[in-house]
Amino acid sequence: MSSHSDHAHDQGDVPSDMELRVMALETLLVEKDLVDPAALDELIETYEHKVGPRNGARVVARAWLDTAFKQRLLADASSAVAELGYASQGREHLVVLENTPERHNLVVCTLCSCYPWPVLGLPPVWYKSSPYRSRAVIDPRSVLREFGLELDENVEIRVWDSTSEMRYLVLPERPTATEGMSEDELAGLVTRDAMIGTAKVTLGGAP
């Protein structure tokens, strides 16, 4: 191993502690006129529905079908995803990591929770958790096993540490028996976790 360094309410509709904290913070910011409620709603709407894993899934599906696009994606991901309208709104640079039968890539952010929002939307809770951030680097094979992903011992695992300047997106292996599928059909198979590296893409697709 080499290192480069949403939950639904289960019990009624009782908000979690984190949700309560977010609501309290939002209320405070609005009351102090520090945040425009309409602008906040628009931002949330954008990242939950217009920006999200489906954007990254489209990037992956295009790369599977278009060799020239894939080459551009691996050479300069920021420019390639901009072709599809997913340009970064900050200064961070995007790098795409290709999974192969011999190599599996896993993305983590050990310092905080840097994440490629334009192509993956909001980060999952577990991505921001301390156990994942520390153990993904120390023992990635066990972490992947806990996600249900068992890799052969001869598969190299590379862990990539995101920063405020550098974000990563995993290009998963294309499943077999998907010849003839359209870009939309292929994109429907690609999950957020597969683009972080904690899962593989299967014909079952997203749950």
N, C-alpha and C. Protein backbone atom coordinates (compact mmCIF):
# COMPACT_ATOMS: atom_id res chain seq x y z
N MET A 1 0.84 -1.19 0.00
CA MET A 1 0.00 0.00 0.00
C MET A 1 0.87 1.24 0.00
N SER A 2 0.59 2.16 -0.89
CA SER A 2 1.32 3.42 -0.89
C SER A 2 0.34 4.53 -0.58
N SER A 3 0.79 5.52 0.17
CA SER A 3 -0.12 6.57 0.61
C SER A 3 0.31 7.91 0.04
N HIS A 4 -0.58 8.63 -0.57
CA HIS A 4 -0.38 10.00 -1.03
C HIS A 4 -1.21 10.86 -0.09
N SER A 5 -0.18 10.50 1.04
CA SER A 5 -0.79 10.86 2.26
C SER A 5 -2.07 10.88 2.29
N ASP A 6 -26.41 9.95 5.36
CA ASP A 6 -27.35 10.85 5.09
C ASP A 6 -28.49 10.06 5.61
N HIS A 7 -28.24 10.51 6.46
CA HIS A 7 -29.00 9.50 7.13
C HIS A 7 -30.46 9.91 7.25
N ALA A 8 -31.38 9.02 6.92
CA ALA A 8 -32.80 9.28 7.12
C ALA A 8 -33.12 9.10 8.59
N HIS A 9 -34.21 9.73 9.03
CA HIS A 9 -34.60 9.58 10.42
C HIS A 9 -35.14 8.17 10.61
N ASP A 10 -34.55 7.43 11.56
CA ASP A 10 -34.94 6.05 11.78
C ASP A 10 -36.08 5.94 12.78
N GLN A 11 -36.18 6.89 13.69
CA GLN A 11 -37.18 6.80 14.74
C GLN A 11 -38.08 8.03 14.63
N GLY A 12 -39.19 7.88 13.90
CA GLY A 12 -40.06 9.01 13.68
C GLY A 12 -39.36 10.07 12.88
N ASP A 13 -39.59 11.32 13.23
CA ASP A 13 -38.95 12.43 12.55
C ASP A 13 -38.14 13.26 13.54
N VAL A 14 -37.58 12.62 14.54
CA VAL A 14 -36.78 13.32 15.54
C VAL A 14 -35.42 13.66 14.94
N PRO A 15 -35.05 14.94 14.85
CA PRO A 15 -33.76 15.30 14.25
C PRO A 15 -32.60 14.78 15.09
N SER A 16 -31.50 14.48 14.41
CA SER A 16 -30.30 14.05 15.12
C SER A 16 -29.66 15.26 15.80
N ASP A 17 -28.69 14.98 16.65
CA ASP A 17 -27.98 16.07 17.33
C ASP A 17 -27.32 16.99 16.31
N MET A 18 -26.72 16.42 15.27
CA MET A 18 -26.07 17.25 14.26
C MET A 18 -27.09 18.11 13.51
N GLU A 19 -28.24 17.53 13.19
CA GLU A 19 -29.28 18.29 12.50
C GLU A 19 -29.78 19.44 13.36
N LEU A 20 -29.92 19.18 14.66
CA LEU A 20 -30.35 20.24 15.58
C LEU A 20 -29.33 21.37 15.62
N ARG A 21 -28.07 20.99 15.63
CA ARG A 21 -27.01 22.00 15.65
C ARG A 21 -27.04 22.84 14.38
N VAL A 22 -27.23 22.17 13.23
CA VAL A 22 -27.29 22.89 11.95
C VAL A 22 -28.47 23.84 11.93
N MET A 23 -29.64 23.37 12.38
CA MET A 23 -30.83 24.22 12.39
C MET A 23 -30.63 25.42 13.32
N ALA A 24 -29.99 25.19 14.46
CA ALA A 24 -29.75 26.29 15.41
C ALA A 24 -28.81 27.31 14.80
N LEU A 25 -27.76 26.82 14.13
CA LEU A 25 -26.80 27.73 13.50
C LEU A 25 -27.46 28.52 12.38
N GLU A 26 -28.27 27.84 11.58
CA GLU A 26 -28.97 28.52 10.49
C GLU A 26 -29.88 29.61 11.03
N THR A 27 -30.63 29.28 12.09
CA THR A 27 -31.53 30.26 12.68
C THR A 27 -30.78 31.48 13.19
N LEU A 28 -29.66 31.23 13.86
CA LEU A 28 -28.86 32.33 14.41
C LEU A 28 -28.32 33.22 13.30
N LEU A 29 -27.82 32.62 12.23
CA LEU A 29 -27.25 33.40 11.12
C LEU A 29 -28.33 34.24 10.43
N VAL A 30 -29.52 33.66 10.28
CA VAL A 30 -30.61 34.39 9.64
C VAL A 30 -31.07 35.54 10.53
N GLU A 31 -31.21 35.28 11.85
CA GLU A 31 -31.66 36.32 12.77
C GLU A 31 -30.70 37.49 12.82
N LYS A 32 -29.42 37.22 12.65
CA LYS A 32 -28.42 38.29 12.69
C LYS A 32 -28.17 38.90 11.31
N ASP A 33 -29.01 38.50 10.34
CA ASP A 33 -28.91 39.02 8.97
C ASP A 33 -27.56 38.73 8.33
N LEU A 34 -26.95 37.62 8.73
CA LEU A 34 -25.68 37.23 8.14
C LEU A 34 -25.88 36.31 6.94
N VAL A 35 -27.06 35.73 6.85
CA VAL A 35 -27.37 34.83 5.75
C VAL A 35 -28.76 35.13 5.23
N ASP A 36 -28.88 35.16 3.91
CA ASP A 36 -30.18 35.34 3.27
C ASP A 36 -30.83 33.96 3.15
N PRO A 37 -32.00 33.75 3.79
CA PRO A 37 -32.63 32.43 3.74
C PRO A 37 -32.84 31.91 2.32
N ALA A 38 -33.20 32.81 1.41
CA ALA A 38 -33.43 32.40 0.02
C ALA A 38 -32.13 31.92 -0.62
N ALA A 39 -31.05 32.63 -0.34
CA ALA A 39 -29.75 32.24 -0.91
C ALA A 39 -29.30 30.91 -0.33
N LEU A 40 -29.57 30.71 0.97
CA LEU A 40 -29.19 29.45 1.62
C LEU A 40 -29.99 28.29 1.02
N ASP A 41 -31.28 28.50 0.81
CA ASP A 41 -32.12 27.46 0.21
C ASP A 41 -31.64 27.13 -1.19
N GLU A 42 -31.26 28.15 -1.94
CA GLU A 42 -30.79 27.92 -3.31
C GLU A 42 -29.48 27.13 -3.31
N LEU A 43 -28.60 27.45 -2.35
CA LEU A 43 -27.33 26.73 -2.26
C LEU A 43 -27.55 25.26 -1.94
N ILE A 44 -28.43 25.00 -0.97
CA ILE A 44 -28.73 23.61 -0.59
C ILE A 44 -29.37 22.87 -1.76
N GLU A 45 -30.30 23.53 -2.43
CA GLU A 45 -30.97 22.92 -3.59
C GLU A 45 -29.96 22.56 -4.67
N THR A 46 -28.99 23.47 -4.88
CA THR A 46 -27.99 23.25 -5.92
C THR A 46 -27.15 22.02 -5.62
N TYR A 47 -26.66 21.92 -4.39
CA TYR A 47 -25.75 20.82 -4.05
C TYR A 47 -26.47 19.50 -3.80
N GLU A 48 -27.76 19.55 -3.45
CA GLU A 48 -28.49 18.31 -3.22
C GLU A 48 -29.06 17.72 -4.51
N HIS A 49 -29.44 18.60 -5.44
CA HIS A 49 -30.17 18.11 -6.61
C HIS A 49 -29.47 18.40 -7.94
N LYS A 50 -28.90 19.59 -8.09
CA LYS A 50 -28.26 19.92 -9.36
C LYS A 50 -26.80 19.48 -9.38
N VAL A 51 -26.17 19.56 -8.24
CA VAL A 51 -24.79 19.12 -8.10
C VAL A 51 -24.81 17.89 -7.21
N GLY A 52 -24.12 16.88 -7.57
CA GLY A 52 -24.14 15.69 -6.74
C GLY A 52 -23.49 14.52 -7.44
N PRO A 53 -23.59 13.35 -6.85
CA PRO A 53 -22.96 12.17 -7.42
C PRO A 53 -23.35 11.87 -8.86
N ARG A 54 -24.55 12.30 -9.27
CA ARG A 54 -24.94 12.01 -10.65
C ARG A 54 -24.05 12.76 -11.64
N ASN A 55 -23.49 13.91 -11.23
CA ASN A 55 -22.55 14.61 -12.10
C ASN A 55 -21.29 13.78 -12.30
N GLY A 56 -20.75 13.28 -11.19
CA GLY A 56 -19.58 12.43 -11.28
C GLY A 56 -19.87 11.16 -12.06
N ALA A 57 -21.08 10.61 -11.88
CA ALA A 57 -21.46 9.40 -12.59
C ALA A 57 -21.47 9.63 -14.10
N ARG A 58 -21.88 10.80 -14.50
CA ARG A 58 -21.88 11.12 -15.93
C ARG A 58 -20.45 11.21 -16.46
N VAL A 59 -19.56 11.78 -15.64
CA VAL A 59 -18.15 11.87 -16.03
C VAL A 59 -17.58 10.46 -16.23
N VAL A 60 -17.88 9.58 -15.29
CA VAL A 60 -17.38 8.21 -15.37
C VAL A 60 -17.93 7.50 -16.60
N ALA A 61 -19.24 7.61 -16.82
CA ALA A 61 -19.86 6.94 -17.96
C ALA A 61 -19.29 7.45 -19.27
N ARG A 62 -19.06 8.76 -19.36
CA ARG A 62 -18.48 9.31 -20.58
C ARG A 62 -17.08 8.76 -20.82
N ALA A 63 -16.32 8.64 -19.74
CA ALA A 63 -14.95 8.12 -19.86
C ALA A 63 -14.96 6.66 -20.31
N TRP A 64 -15.94 5.90 -19.84
CA TRP A 64 -16.03 4.50 -20.25
C TRP A 64 -16.34 4.36 -21.74
N LEU A 65 -17.08 5.32 -22.28
CA LEU A 65 -17.52 5.22 -23.67
C LEU A 65 -16.64 5.98 -24.65
N ASP A 66 -15.97 6.99 -24.18
CA ASP A 66 -15.21 7.89 -25.05
C ASP A 66 -13.74 7.85 -24.66
N THR A 67 -12.94 7.14 -25.44
CA THR A 67 -11.52 6.98 -25.12
C THR A 67 -10.79 8.31 -25.10
N ALA A 68 -11.10 9.18 -26.05
CA ALA A 68 -10.43 10.48 -26.12
C ALA A 68 -10.75 11.32 -24.88
N PHE A 69 -12.01 11.29 -24.46
CA PHE A 69 -12.40 12.02 -23.25
C PHE A 69 -11.68 11.44 -22.04
N LYS A 70 -11.60 10.12 -21.97
CA LYS A 70 -10.91 9.48 -20.84
C LYS A 70 -9.45 9.93 -20.78
N GLN A 71 -8.80 10.01 -21.90
CA GLN A 71 -7.40 10.45 -21.92
C GLN A 71 -7.28 11.88 -21.42
N ARG A 72 -8.21 12.74 -21.85
CA ARG A 72 -8.18 14.13 -21.37
C ARG A 72 -8.48 14.17 -19.88
N LEU A 73 -9.38 13.31 -19.43
CA LEU A 73 -9.77 13.29 -18.01
C LEU A 73 -8.58 12.90 -17.13
N LEU A 74 -7.83 11.90 -17.56
CA LEU A 74 -6.68 11.45 -16.77
C LEU A 74 -5.52 12.43 -16.84
N ALA A 75 -5.44 13.16 -17.95
CA ALA A 75 -4.35 14.13 -18.12
C ALA A 75 -4.63 15.45 -17.41
N ASP A 76 -5.87 15.91 -17.47
CA ASP A 76 -6.25 17.19 -16.87
C ASP A 76 -7.73 17.13 -16.53
N ALA A 77 -8.03 16.58 -15.38
CA ALA A 77 -9.42 16.33 -14.99
C ALA A 77 -10.23 17.62 -14.87
N SER A 78 -9.62 18.65 -14.35
CA SER A 78 -10.35 19.91 -14.16
C SER A 78 -10.90 20.44 -15.49
N SER A 79 -10.07 20.39 -16.52
CA SER A 79 -10.50 20.86 -17.84
C SER A 79 -11.52 19.92 -18.45
N ALA A 80 -11.30 18.62 -18.27
CA ALA A 80 -12.20 17.63 -18.88
C ALA A 80 -13.61 17.71 -18.29
N VAL A 81 -13.72 17.81 -16.97
CA VAL A 81 -15.05 17.87 -16.37
C VAL A 81 -15.73 19.21 -16.69
N ALA A 82 -14.92 20.25 -16.94
CA ALA A 82 -15.49 21.53 -17.33
C ALA A 82 -16.19 21.43 -18.68
N GLU A 83 -15.73 20.50 -19.52
CA GLU A 83 -16.39 20.27 -20.81
C GLU A 83 -17.84 19.86 -20.62
N LEU A 84 -18.12 19.21 -19.50
CA LEU A 84 -19.47 18.75 -19.21
C LEU A 84 -20.23 19.73 -18.33
N GLY A 85 -19.62 20.87 -18.06
CA GLY A 85 -20.28 21.91 -17.28
C GLY A 85 -20.07 21.82 -15.79
N TYR A 86 -19.06 21.06 -15.35
CA TYR A 86 -18.84 20.88 -13.92
C TYR A 86 -17.55 21.56 -13.46
N ALA A 87 -17.39 22.79 -13.82
CA ALA A 87 -16.18 23.52 -13.47
C ALA A 87 -16.15 23.81 -11.98
N SER A 88 -14.94 23.77 -11.41
CA SER A 88 -14.77 24.10 -10.00
C SER A 88 -15.05 25.57 -9.77
N GLN A 89 -15.60 25.88 -8.59
CA GLN A 89 -15.87 27.28 -8.24
C GLN A 89 -14.77 27.85 -7.36
N GLY A 90 -13.73 27.08 -7.14
CA GLY A 90 -12.61 27.54 -6.32
C GLY A 90 -11.30 27.35 -7.04
N ARG A 91 -10.21 27.31 -6.27
CA ARG A 91 -8.88 27.17 -6.86
C ARG A 91 -8.39 25.74 -6.84
N GLU A 92 -9.20 24.82 -6.29
CA GLU A 92 -8.73 23.45 -6.16
C GLU A 92 -8.62 22.78 -7.53
N HIS A 93 -7.67 21.89 -7.63
CA HIS A 93 -7.42 21.14 -8.86
C HIS A 93 -7.95 19.73 -8.68
N LEU A 94 -8.60 19.20 -9.71
CA LEU A 94 -9.17 17.86 -9.65
C LEU A 94 -8.27 16.87 -10.37
N VAL A 95 -8.03 15.73 -9.72
CA VAL A 95 -7.27 14.64 -10.31
C VAL A 95 -8.15 13.40 -10.33
N VAL A 96 -8.19 12.71 -11.47
CA VAL A 96 -8.96 11.47 -11.58
C VAL A 96 -8.01 10.28 -11.53
N LEU A 97 -8.36 9.31 -10.69
CA LEU A 97 -7.53 8.13 -10.44
C LEU A 97 -8.22 6.91 -11.03
N GLU A 98 -7.55 6.21 -11.94
CA GLU A 98 -8.18 5.08 -12.61
C GLU A 98 -7.93 3.77 -11.86
N ASN A 99 -9.01 3.09 -11.52
CA ASN A 99 -8.90 1.75 -10.94
C ASN A 99 -8.64 0.74 -12.05
N THR A 100 -7.83 -0.25 -11.75
CA THR A 100 -7.53 -1.33 -12.69
C THR A 100 -7.61 -2.65 -11.94
N PRO A 101 -7.54 -3.78 -12.63
CA PRO A 101 -7.55 -5.06 -11.92
C PRO A 101 -6.38 -5.21 -10.95
N GLU A 102 -5.29 -4.46 -11.20
CA GLU A 102 -4.10 -4.57 -10.36
C GLU A 102 -4.01 -3.48 -9.30
N ARG A 103 -4.79 -2.41 -9.45
CA ARG A 103 -4.66 -1.27 -8.54
C ARG A 103 -6.02 -0.70 -8.19
N HIS A 104 -6.20 -0.45 -6.88
CA HIS A 104 -7.44 0.15 -6.40
C HIS A 104 -7.11 1.43 -5.65
N ASN A 105 -7.81 2.50 -5.99
CA ASN A 105 -7.57 3.81 -5.37
C ASN A 105 -8.65 4.13 -4.35
N LEU A 106 -8.23 4.74 -3.25
CA LEU A 106 -9.13 5.13 -2.17
C LEU A 106 -8.83 6.58 -1.80
N VAL A 107 -9.88 7.37 -1.65
CA VAL A 107 -9.71 8.80 -1.35
C VAL A 107 -10.11 9.08 0.09
N VAL A 108 -9.32 9.94 0.74
CA VAL A 108 -9.60 10.34 2.11
C VAL A 108 -9.12 11.78 2.27
N CYS A 109 -9.56 12.43 3.32
CA CYS A 109 -9.00 13.74 3.67
C CYS A 109 -8.66 13.67 5.15
N THR A 110 -7.38 13.53 5.46
CA THR A 110 -6.98 13.29 6.84
C THR A 110 -7.08 14.54 7.72
N LEU A 111 -7.04 15.72 7.14
CA LEU A 111 -7.05 16.94 7.94
C LEU A 111 -8.45 17.45 8.22
N CYS A 112 -9.33 17.33 7.25
CA CYS A 112 -10.70 17.83 7.47
C CYS A 112 -11.66 16.99 6.64
N SER A 113 -12.25 17.57 5.60
CA SER A 113 -13.16 16.80 4.74
C SER A 113 -13.20 17.39 3.34
N CYS A 114 -12.01 17.72 2.80
CA CYS A 114 -11.95 18.26 1.44
C CYS A 114 -12.55 17.25 0.48
N TYR A 115 -13.35 17.73 -0.44
CA TYR A 115 -14.20 16.85 -1.24
C TYR A 115 -14.53 17.53 -2.56
N PRO A 116 -14.60 16.80 -3.66
CA PRO A 116 -14.88 17.43 -4.98
C PRO A 116 -16.37 17.71 -5.16
N TRP A 117 -16.87 18.76 -4.56
CA TRP A 117 -18.30 19.07 -4.57
C TRP A 117 -18.92 19.13 -5.97
N PRO A 118 -18.27 19.76 -6.96
CA PRO A 118 -18.94 19.87 -8.27
C PRO A 118 -19.30 18.53 -8.90
N VAL A 119 -18.57 17.47 -8.57
CA VAL A 119 -18.86 16.17 -9.18
C VAL A 119 -19.41 15.13 -8.20
N LEU A 120 -19.35 15.41 -6.89
CA LEU A 120 -19.86 14.44 -5.92
C LEU A 120 -20.89 15.02 -4.96
N GLY A 121 -21.14 16.32 -5.02
CA GLY A 121 -22.12 16.91 -4.13
C GLY A 121 -21.62 16.99 -2.70
N LEU A 122 -22.52 16.81 -1.75
CA LEU A 122 -22.17 16.91 -0.34
C LEU A 122 -21.49 15.62 0.14
N PRO A 123 -20.45 15.73 0.94
CA PRO A 123 -19.76 14.52 1.42
C PRO A 123 -20.61 13.73 2.40
N PRO A 124 -20.51 12.40 2.38
CA PRO A 124 -21.26 11.59 3.34
C PRO A 124 -20.70 11.78 4.75
N VAL A 125 -21.51 11.47 5.73
CA VAL A 125 -21.11 11.65 7.13
C VAL A 125 -19.85 10.86 7.44
N TRP A 126 -19.78 9.61 6.97
CA TRP A 126 -18.64 8.76 7.31
C TRP A 126 -17.33 9.29 6.74
N TYR A 127 -17.40 10.01 5.62
CA TYR A 127 -16.18 10.55 5.01
C TYR A 127 -15.52 11.58 5.93
N LYS A 128 -16.35 12.26 6.72
CA LYS A 128 -15.86 13.31 7.61
C LYS A 128 -15.50 12.79 9.00
N SER A 129 -15.77 11.50 9.25
CA SER A 129 -15.55 10.96 10.59
C SER A 129 -14.07 10.70 10.86
N SER A 130 -13.68 10.88 12.10
CA SER A 130 -12.28 10.65 12.49
C SER A 130 -11.82 9.22 12.25
N PRO A 131 -12.63 8.21 12.56
CA PRO A 131 -12.18 6.83 12.32
C PRO A 131 -11.84 6.56 10.86
N TYR A 132 -12.69 7.03 9.95
CA TYR A 132 -12.39 6.81 8.53
C TYR A 132 -11.13 7.56 8.11
N ARG A 133 -11.02 8.81 8.55
CA ARG A 133 -9.89 9.65 8.14
C ARG A 133 -8.56 9.08 8.61
N SER A 134 -8.55 8.45 9.75
CA SER A 134 -7.29 7.91 10.26
C SER A 134 -7.04 6.48 9.78
N ARG A 135 -8.06 5.64 9.84
CA ARG A 135 -7.85 4.23 9.51
C ARG A 135 -7.71 3.97 8.02
N ALA A 136 -8.28 4.84 7.18
CA ALA A 136 -8.16 4.65 5.73
C ALA A 136 -6.71 4.69 5.29
N VAL A 137 -5.90 5.46 5.97
CA VAL A 137 -4.48 5.57 5.64
C VAL A 137 -3.69 4.42 6.28
N ILE A 138 -4.02 4.10 7.52
CA ILE A 138 -3.25 3.09 8.26
C ILE A 138 -3.56 1.67 7.81
N ASP A 139 -4.84 1.39 7.61
CA ASP A 139 -5.24 0.02 7.28
C ASP A 139 -6.39 0.04 6.26
N PRO A 140 -6.10 0.49 5.04
CA PRO A 140 -7.18 0.64 4.05
C PRO A 140 -7.88 -0.66 3.67
N ARG A 141 -7.15 -1.77 3.68
CA ARG A 141 -7.76 -3.03 3.29
C ARG A 141 -8.88 -3.43 4.27
N SER A 142 -8.63 -3.22 5.56
CA SER A 142 -9.65 -3.53 6.55
C SER A 142 -10.84 -2.58 6.44
N VAL A 143 -10.56 -1.31 6.17
CA VAL A 143 -11.63 -0.32 6.02
C VAL A 143 -12.52 -0.70 4.83
N LEU A 144 -11.91 -1.08 3.73
CA LEU A 144 -12.68 -1.48 2.56
C LEU A 144 -13.50 -2.73 2.85
N ARG A 145 -12.94 -3.62 3.63
CA ARG A 145 -13.66 -4.84 3.99
C ARG A 145 -14.92 -4.49 4.79
N GLU A 146 -14.82 -3.47 5.64
CA GLU A 146 -15.97 -3.06 6.44
C GLU A 146 -17.05 -2.43 5.56
N PHE A 147 -16.65 -1.91 4.41
CA PHE A 147 -17.62 -1.38 3.45
C PHE A 147 -18.19 -2.49 2.58
N GLY A 148 -17.70 -3.71 2.79
CA GLY A 148 -18.17 -4.83 2.00
C GLY A 148 -17.37 -5.10 0.76
N LEU A 149 -16.21 -4.45 0.65
CA LEU A 149 -15.36 -4.61 -0.53
C LEU A 149 -14.13 -5.43 -0.17
N GLU A 150 -14.10 -6.66 -0.63
CA GLU A 150 -12.97 -7.56 -0.36
C GLU A 150 -12.08 -7.61 -1.59
N LEU A 151 -10.84 -7.16 -1.46
CA LEU A 151 -9.91 -7.15 -2.57
C LEU A 151 -8.88 -8.27 -2.40
N ASP A 152 -8.47 -8.85 -3.51
CA ASP A 152 -7.41 -9.86 -3.46
C ASP A 152 -6.14 -9.25 -2.90
N GLU A 153 -5.34 -10.06 -2.24
CA GLU A 153 -4.12 -9.57 -1.63
C GLU A 153 -3.13 -9.03 -2.67
N ASN A 154 -3.24 -9.50 -3.91
CA ASN A 154 -2.31 -9.03 -4.93
C ASN A 154 -2.73 -7.71 -5.56
N VAL A 155 -3.86 -7.17 -5.14
CA VAL A 155 -4.30 -5.86 -5.63
C VAL A 155 -3.67 -4.77 -4.78
N GLU A 156 -2.95 -3.87 -5.42
CA GLU A 156 -2.33 -2.75 -4.71
C GLU A 156 -3.39 -1.71 -4.36
N ILE A 157 -3.35 -1.23 -3.14
CA ILE A 157 -4.27 -0.17 -2.71
C ILE A 157 -3.48 1.12 -2.55
N ARG A 158 -3.91 2.13 -3.24
CA ARG A 158 -3.29 3.45 -3.11
C ARG A 158 -4.26 4.40 -2.43
N VAL A 159 -3.79 5.05 -1.39
CA VAL A 159 -4.62 5.99 -0.64
C VAL A 159 -4.18 7.42 -0.99
N TRP A 160 -5.15 8.23 -1.36
CA TRP A 160 -4.87 9.61 -1.78
C TRP A 160 -5.51 10.58 -0.80
N ASP A 161 -4.70 11.50 -0.28
CA ASP A 161 -5.13 12.44 0.75
C ASP A 161 -5.50 13.78 0.12
N SER A 162 -6.78 14.09 0.13
CA SER A 162 -7.25 15.35 -0.45
C SER A 162 -6.79 16.55 0.38
N THR A 163 -6.63 17.67 -0.30
CA THR A 163 -6.28 18.92 0.37
C THR A 163 -7.16 20.03 -0.19
N SER A 164 -7.00 21.22 0.35
CA SER A 164 -7.80 22.35 -0.15
C SER A 164 -7.43 22.70 -1.58
N GLU A 165 -6.22 22.31 -2.00
CA GLU A 165 -5.78 22.60 -3.37
C GLU A 165 -5.97 21.44 -4.32
N MET A 166 -6.07 20.22 -3.79
CA MET A 166 -6.12 19.03 -4.64
C MET A 166 -7.27 18.11 -4.21
N ARG A 167 -8.17 17.83 -5.13
CA ARG A 167 -9.29 16.92 -4.87
C ARG A 167 -9.19 15.73 -5.83
N TYR A 168 -9.72 14.59 -5.41
CA TYR A 168 -9.60 13.38 -6.20
C TYR A 168 -10.96 12.74 -6.48
N LEU A 169 -11.04 12.12 -7.65
CA LEU A 169 -12.22 11.36 -8.05
C LEU A 169 -11.73 10.04 -8.62
N VAL A 170 -12.30 8.95 -8.13
CA VAL A 170 -11.91 7.63 -8.62
C VAL A 170 -12.71 7.29 -9.88
N LEU A 171 -12.00 6.82 -10.90
CA LEU A 171 -12.64 6.30 -12.10
C LEU A 171 -12.73 4.78 -11.93
N PRO A 172 -13.91 4.26 -11.56
CA PRO A 172 -14.03 2.83 -11.27
C PRO A 172 -13.86 1.99 -12.53
N GLU A 173 -13.61 0.70 -12.32
CA GLU A 173 -13.57 -0.22 -13.44
C GLU A 173 -15.00 -0.39 -13.98
N ARG A 174 -15.10 -0.48 -15.28
CA ARG A 174 -16.40 -0.71 -15.90
C ARG A 174 -16.80 -2.17 -15.72
N PRO A 175 -18.01 -2.43 -15.25
CA PRO A 175 -18.42 -3.81 -15.06
C PRO A 175 -18.48 -4.57 -16.38
N THR A 176 -18.28 -5.85 -16.33
CA THR A 176 -18.43 -6.68 -17.52
C THR A 176 -19.92 -6.79 -17.87
N ALA A 177 -20.18 -7.21 -19.08
CA ALA A 177 -21.56 -7.39 -19.57
C ALA A 177 -22.33 -6.07 -19.64
N THR A 178 -21.62 -4.96 -19.85
CA THR A 178 -22.30 -3.67 -20.00
C THR A 178 -22.14 -3.14 -21.42
N GLU A 179 -21.62 -3.97 -22.33
CA GLU A 179 -21.47 -3.55 -23.71
C GLU A 179 -22.86 -3.25 -24.28
N GLY A 180 -22.93 -2.19 -25.02
CA GLY A 180 -24.21 -1.82 -25.62
C GLY A 180 -25.06 -0.91 -24.76
N MET A 181 -24.68 -0.69 -23.51
CA MET A 181 -25.44 0.21 -22.65
C MET A 181 -25.16 1.66 -23.02
N SER A 182 -26.16 2.49 -22.89
CA SER A 182 -26.02 3.92 -23.20
C SER A 182 -25.29 4.64 -22.08
N GLU A 183 -24.92 5.89 -22.34
CA GLU A 183 -24.25 6.68 -21.31
C GLU A 183 -25.15 6.85 -20.09
N ASP A 184 -26.42 7.11 -20.31
CA ASP A 184 -27.35 7.28 -19.19
C ASP A 184 -27.49 5.99 -18.39
N GLU A 185 -27.55 4.87 -19.09
CA GLU A 185 -27.67 3.59 -18.41
C GLU A 185 -26.42 3.28 -17.59
N LEU A 186 -25.26 3.57 -18.15
CA LEU A 186 -24.01 3.35 -17.42
C LEU A 186 -23.91 4.27 -16.21
N ALA A 187 -24.28 5.53 -16.40
CA ALA A 187 -24.23 6.48 -15.29
C ALA A 187 -25.12 6.03 -14.14
N GLY A 188 -26.23 5.35 -14.47
CA GLY A 188 -27.13 4.87 -13.44
C GLY A 188 -26.54 3.77 -12.58
N LEU A 189 -25.45 3.16 -13.05
CA LEU A 189 -24.79 2.12 -12.27
C LEU A 189 -23.76 2.67 -11.29
N VAL A 190 -23.30 3.89 -11.55
CA VAL A 190 -22.17 4.46 -10.81
C VAL A 190 -22.64 5.07 -9.50
N THR A 191 -22.07 4.63 -8.39
CA THR A 191 -22.44 5.15 -7.08
C THR A 191 -21.39 6.14 -6.57
N ARG A 192 -21.82 6.95 -5.63
CA ARG A 192 -20.90 7.88 -4.98
C ARG A 192 -19.73 7.14 -4.36
N ASP A 193 -20.01 6.04 -3.64
CA ASP A 193 -18.95 5.31 -2.95
C ASP A 193 -17.91 4.77 -3.93
N ALA A 194 -18.35 4.36 -5.12
CA ALA A 194 -17.40 3.86 -6.11
C ALA A 194 -16.46 4.96 -6.58
N MET A 195 -16.93 6.21 -6.55
CA MET A 195 -16.09 7.32 -7.00
C MET A 195 -15.20 7.86 -5.87
N ILE A 196 -15.41 7.35 -4.65
CA ILE A 196 -14.51 7.63 -3.54
C ILE A 196 -13.53 6.47 -3.39
N GLY A 197 -13.96 5.30 -3.80
CA GLY A 197 -13.10 4.12 -3.75
C GLY A 197 -13.48 3.10 -2.70
N THR A 198 -14.62 3.29 -2.04
CA THR A 198 -15.04 2.34 -1.01
C THR A 198 -15.97 1.26 -1.57
N ALA A 199 -16.17 1.27 -2.87
CA ALA A 199 -17.03 0.27 -3.51
C ALA A 199 -16.60 0.10 -4.96
N LYS A 200 -17.11 -0.95 -5.58
CA LYS A 200 -16.95 -1.14 -7.01
C LYS A 200 -18.30 -0.95 -7.68
N VAL A 201 -18.28 -0.68 -8.98
CA VAL A 201 -19.51 -0.55 -9.72
C VAL A 201 -19.97 -1.95 -10.15
N THR A 202 -21.24 -2.23 -9.92
CA THR A 202 -21.81 -3.52 -10.30
C THR A 202 -23.06 -3.28 -11.14
N LEU A 203 -23.55 -4.34 -11.74
CA LEU A 203 -24.77 -4.21 -12.55
C LEU A 203 -25.97 -3.88 -11.68
N GLY A 204 -25.83 -4.09 -10.36
CA GLY A 204 -26.93 -3.74 -9.47
C GLY A 204 -27.14 -2.24 -9.36
N GLY A 205 -26.03 -1.48 -9.54
CA GLY A 205 -26.11 -0.03 -9.49
C GLY A 205 -26.39 0.50 -8.11
N ALA A 206 -26.88 1.71 -8.07
CA ALA A 206 -27.16 2.37 -6.80
C ALA A 206 -28.39 1.77 -6.15
N PRO A 207 -28.39 1.72 -4.80
CA PRO A 207 -29.56 1.19 -4.10
C PRO A 207 -30.76 2.10 -4.25
